[in-house]
Amino acid sequence: MLQERPEDELLVCAIHELVKSHPRRGCRYITNCLRRDGWRVNHKRVHRLWKLEGFRVPVKRHKKRAIGDKANACDKRAAMERNDVWAWDFIHDRTVKGRLLKFLVIVDEYIRECQCLKTAHSFTSDDVLDVLASLMPEQGIQRYIRSDNGSEYIASNLRQWLGKMDVETLFYCARFSLAKWIRRII
């Protein structure tokens, strides 16, 4: 069992003050600051008090780098004719029991007509590929297909298949969601 020392309360107060002034610094830095301020402390003692107080250095989140371009957005590169540009995205919802429900929506941007509305609990890139393969003979082959950077759209097998069909992909980085734009059309 650990014995509490009477000066631990003063040390904890000093640690709190240093953490307020240096919130992104860790236990080692705080230990060095305490030693510079005249405290004779062991790093293991500071670490024990650090953990007891529940201090943690916040994890810095890094953004994933997008492969899209702002020039591929709907307002920059508009569709000129039927089957010129199709837009596709997923809309998420939940069932009454709380299970995830996904809707794959494919829209012709020029005539603003929904080409496909498919529902499932999950979609893989192969599922998206099957939907496109069944849709193209009926509706015709488009020149471009616009999407965000979802994993279902950037999969290598899907991109290779689209390349064989001479369909270019327009990945975009935009402030607004393509799903919101599709919801306005439907």
Protein backbone atom coordinates (compact mmCIF):
# COMPACT_ATOMS: atom_id res chain seq x y z
CA MET A 1 0.00 0.00 0.00
CA LEU A 2 1.28 3.44 -0.90
CA GLN A 3 1.81 5.92 1.87
CA GLU A 4 0.73 9.46 1.13
CA ARG A 5 3.24 12.11 1.93
CA PRO A 6 2.11 15.44 3.36
CA GLU A 7 3.80 17.37 0.54
CA ASP A 8 1.90 15.38 -2.14
CA GLU A 9 -0.99 17.85 -1.95
CA LEU A 10 1.35 20.76 -2.68
CA LEU A 11 2.99 18.79 -5.46
CA VAL A 12 -0.39 17.95 -7.02
CA CYS A 13 -1.32 21.64 -6.95
CA ALA A 14 1.96 22.50 -8.67
CA ILE A 15 1.32 19.80 -11.29
CA HIS A 16 -2.18 21.21 -11.91
CA GLU A 17 -0.76 24.70 -12.47
CA LEU A 18 1.85 23.42 -14.91
CA VAL A 19 -0.71 21.35 -16.81
CA LYS A 20 -2.93 24.43 -17.16
CA SER A 21 -0.08 26.41 -18.67
CA HIS A 22 1.22 23.51 -20.83
CA PRO A 23 -1.83 21.39 -21.79
CA ARG A 24 -0.15 19.57 -24.71
CA ARG A 25 2.87 18.45 -22.68
CA GLY A 26 3.35 15.12 -20.96
CA CYS A 27 4.55 13.81 -17.64
CA ARG A 28 8.29 14.04 -18.46
CA TYR A 29 8.04 17.72 -19.38
CA ILE A 30 6.08 18.48 -16.21
CA THR A 31 8.71 16.61 -14.14
CA ASN A 32 11.47 18.73 -15.68
CA CYS A 33 9.47 21.92 -15.03
CA LEU A 34 8.99 20.92 -11.39
CA ARG A 35 12.72 20.30 -11.01
CA ARG A 36 13.48 23.70 -12.59
CA ASP A 37 11.08 25.28 -10.08
CA GLY A 38 13.06 23.76 -7.18
CA TRP A 39 11.11 20.60 -6.43
CA ARG A 40 13.25 17.56 -5.60
CA VAL A 41 11.05 14.87 -7.14
CA ASN A 42 11.51 11.47 -8.71
CA HIS A 43 9.95 10.99 -12.14
CA LYS A 44 8.17 7.86 -10.87
CA ARG A 45 6.47 9.84 -8.13
CA VAL A 46 5.29 12.51 -10.57
CA HIS A 47 4.06 9.79 -12.92
CA ARG A 48 2.10 8.11 -10.09
CA LEU A 49 0.42 11.40 -9.16
CA TRP A 50 -0.14 12.20 -12.84
CA LYS A 51 -2.05 8.92 -13.28
CA LEU A 52 -4.00 9.35 -10.02
CA GLU A 53 -5.19 12.78 -11.16
CA GLY A 54 -6.25 11.36 -14.52
CA PHE A 55 -4.10 13.58 -16.71
CA ARG A 56 -3.59 12.61 -20.33
CA VAL A 57 -2.06 14.37 -23.28
CA PRO A 58 -4.79 14.82 -25.93
CA VAL A 59 -4.21 12.76 -29.04
CA LYS A 60 -3.70 14.91 -32.10
CA ARG A 61 -5.99 13.83 -34.93
CA HIS A 62 -4.57 13.95 -38.42
CA LYS A 63 -6.84 14.44 -41.40
CA LYS A 64 -6.87 11.79 -44.06
CA ARG A 65 -5.57 13.17 -47.30
CA ALA A 66 -8.29 13.23 -49.91
CA ILE A 67 -7.61 12.11 -53.46
CA GLY A 68 -10.22 14.43 -54.92
CA ASP A 69 -10.10 17.93 -56.29
CA LYS A 70 -12.34 20.98 -55.86
CA ALA A 71 -12.46 21.33 -59.63
CA ASN A 72 -14.55 18.13 -59.78
CA ALA A 73 -17.37 19.57 -57.66
CA CYS A 74 -20.93 19.82 -59.03
CA ASP A 75 -20.86 23.58 -59.47
CA LYS A 76 -17.47 23.61 -61.25
CA ARG A 77 -17.93 20.72 -63.69
CA ALA A 78 -21.58 20.50 -64.66
CA ALA A 79 -23.21 17.79 -66.76
CA MET A 80 -23.79 18.81 -70.41
CA GLU A 81 -26.11 16.02 -71.62
CA ARG A 82 -27.84 12.81 -70.60
CA ASN A 83 -25.41 10.11 -69.36
CA ASP A 84 -22.62 12.68 -69.17
CA VAL A 85 -22.20 12.68 -65.37
CA TRP A 86 -23.73 10.35 -62.82
CA ALA A 87 -23.41 11.08 -59.12
CA TRP A 88 -23.52 8.36 -56.51
CA ASP A 89 -23.40 8.32 -52.75
CA PHE A 90 -24.67 6.48 -49.71
CA ILE A 91 -27.43 7.71 -47.47
CA HIS A 92 -27.47 6.16 -44.00
CA ASP A 93 -30.43 5.45 -41.76
CA ARG A 94 -31.41 3.00 -39.02
CA THR A 95 -34.22 0.52 -38.70
CA VAL A 96 -36.68 0.55 -35.81
CA LYS A 97 -34.48 -1.99 -34.02
CA GLY A 98 -31.42 0.23 -34.48
CA ARG A 99 -29.68 -1.74 -37.23
CA LEU A 100 -27.77 0.26 -39.86
CA LEU A 101 -29.43 0.69 -43.23
CA LYS A 102 -27.60 2.02 -46.29
CA PHE A 103 -29.09 3.34 -49.51
CA LEU A 104 -26.98 3.44 -52.66
CA VAL A 105 -28.27 6.30 -54.78
CA ILE A 106 -27.15 6.86 -58.36
CA VAL A 107 -28.44 10.01 -60.09
CA ASP A 108 -28.03 11.34 -63.63
CA GLU A 109 -27.03 14.95 -62.98
CA TYR A 110 -28.30 16.40 -66.25
CA ILE A 111 -31.88 15.13 -66.16
CA ARG A 112 -31.87 14.80 -62.35
CA GLU A 113 -33.32 11.35 -62.53
CA CYS A 114 -32.59 8.60 -60.03
CA GLN A 115 -31.03 5.73 -61.94
CA CYS A 116 -30.78 3.40 -58.96
CA LEU A 117 -31.88 3.26 -55.34
CA LYS A 118 -30.60 0.09 -53.71
CA THR A 119 -30.94 -0.76 -50.04
CA ALA A 120 -28.81 -3.10 -47.93
CA HIS A 121 -27.29 -3.33 -44.49
CA SER A 122 -23.79 -3.07 -45.93
CA PHE A 123 -22.16 -2.57 -49.32
CA THR A 124 -18.77 -3.64 -50.55
CA SER A 125 -17.02 -2.46 -53.69
CA ASP A 126 -18.11 -5.70 -55.39
CA ASP A 127 -21.75 -4.91 -54.56
CA VAL A 128 -21.39 -1.43 -56.08
CA LEU A 129 -19.73 -2.98 -59.13
CA ASP A 130 -22.64 -5.41 -59.57
CA VAL A 131 -25.16 -2.57 -59.42
CA LEU A 132 -23.24 -0.59 -62.05
CA ALA A 133 -22.82 -3.63 -64.29
CA SER A 134 -26.57 -4.27 -64.26
CA LEU A 135 -27.42 -0.58 -64.70
CA MET A 136 -25.20 0.33 -67.66
CA PRO A 137 -26.84 -1.93 -70.29
CA GLU A 138 -30.27 -0.51 -69.36
CA GLN A 139 -29.43 3.20 -69.03
CA GLY A 140 -26.33 3.54 -71.20
CA ILE A 141 -22.71 4.18 -70.32
CA GLN A 142 -21.89 7.54 -68.78
CA ARG A 143 -18.71 9.52 -69.41
CA TYR A 144 -18.01 10.52 -65.82
CA ILE A 145 -19.10 9.31 -62.42
CA ARG A 146 -18.83 11.72 -59.49
CA SER A 147 -18.34 10.60 -55.91
CA ASP A 148 -16.63 11.43 -52.67
CA ASN A 149 -13.63 9.48 -51.39
CA GLY A 150 -15.52 6.62 -49.75
CA SER A 151 -13.81 3.26 -49.56
CA GLU A 152 -16.46 1.70 -51.81
CA TYR A 153 -15.60 4.14 -54.61
CA ILE A 154 -11.82 4.21 -54.44
CA ALA A 155 -11.39 0.43 -54.41
CA SER A 156 -8.91 -0.71 -57.03
CA ASN A 157 -11.17 -3.34 -58.60
CA LEU A 158 -13.93 -0.77 -59.12
CA ARG A 159 -11.55 1.80 -60.59
CA GLN A 160 -10.05 -0.80 -62.94
CA TRP A 161 -13.51 -1.88 -64.13
CA LEU A 162 -14.54 1.73 -64.73
CA GLY A 163 -11.31 2.24 -66.68
CA LYS A 164 -12.16 -0.72 -68.93
CA MET A 165 -15.59 0.80 -69.56
CA ASP A 166 -13.98 4.20 -70.41
CA VAL A 167 -15.74 5.92 -67.51
CA GLU A 168 -13.69 8.58 -65.75
CA THR A 169 -14.05 9.15 -62.04
CA LEU A 170 -14.51 12.62 -60.60
CA PHE A 171 -13.45 12.47 -56.97
CA TYR A 172 -14.05 15.76 -55.26
CA CYS A 173 -13.26 17.57 -52.05
CA ALA A 174 -16.13 19.85 -51.26
CA ARG A 175 -17.58 21.54 -48.23
CA PHE A 176 -21.01 20.16 -48.87
CA SER A 177 -21.93 16.50 -48.95
CA LEU A 178 -22.95 14.85 -52.18
CA ALA A 179 -25.63 12.99 -50.23
CA LYS A 180 -27.26 16.32 -49.29
CA TRP A 181 -27.23 17.37 -52.95
CA ILE A 182 -28.79 14.05 -53.96
CA ARG A 183 -31.49 14.43 -51.28
CA ARG A 184 -32.47 17.78 -52.81
CA ILE A 185 -32.90 16.19 -56.23
CA ILE A 186 -34.96 13.21 -55.11
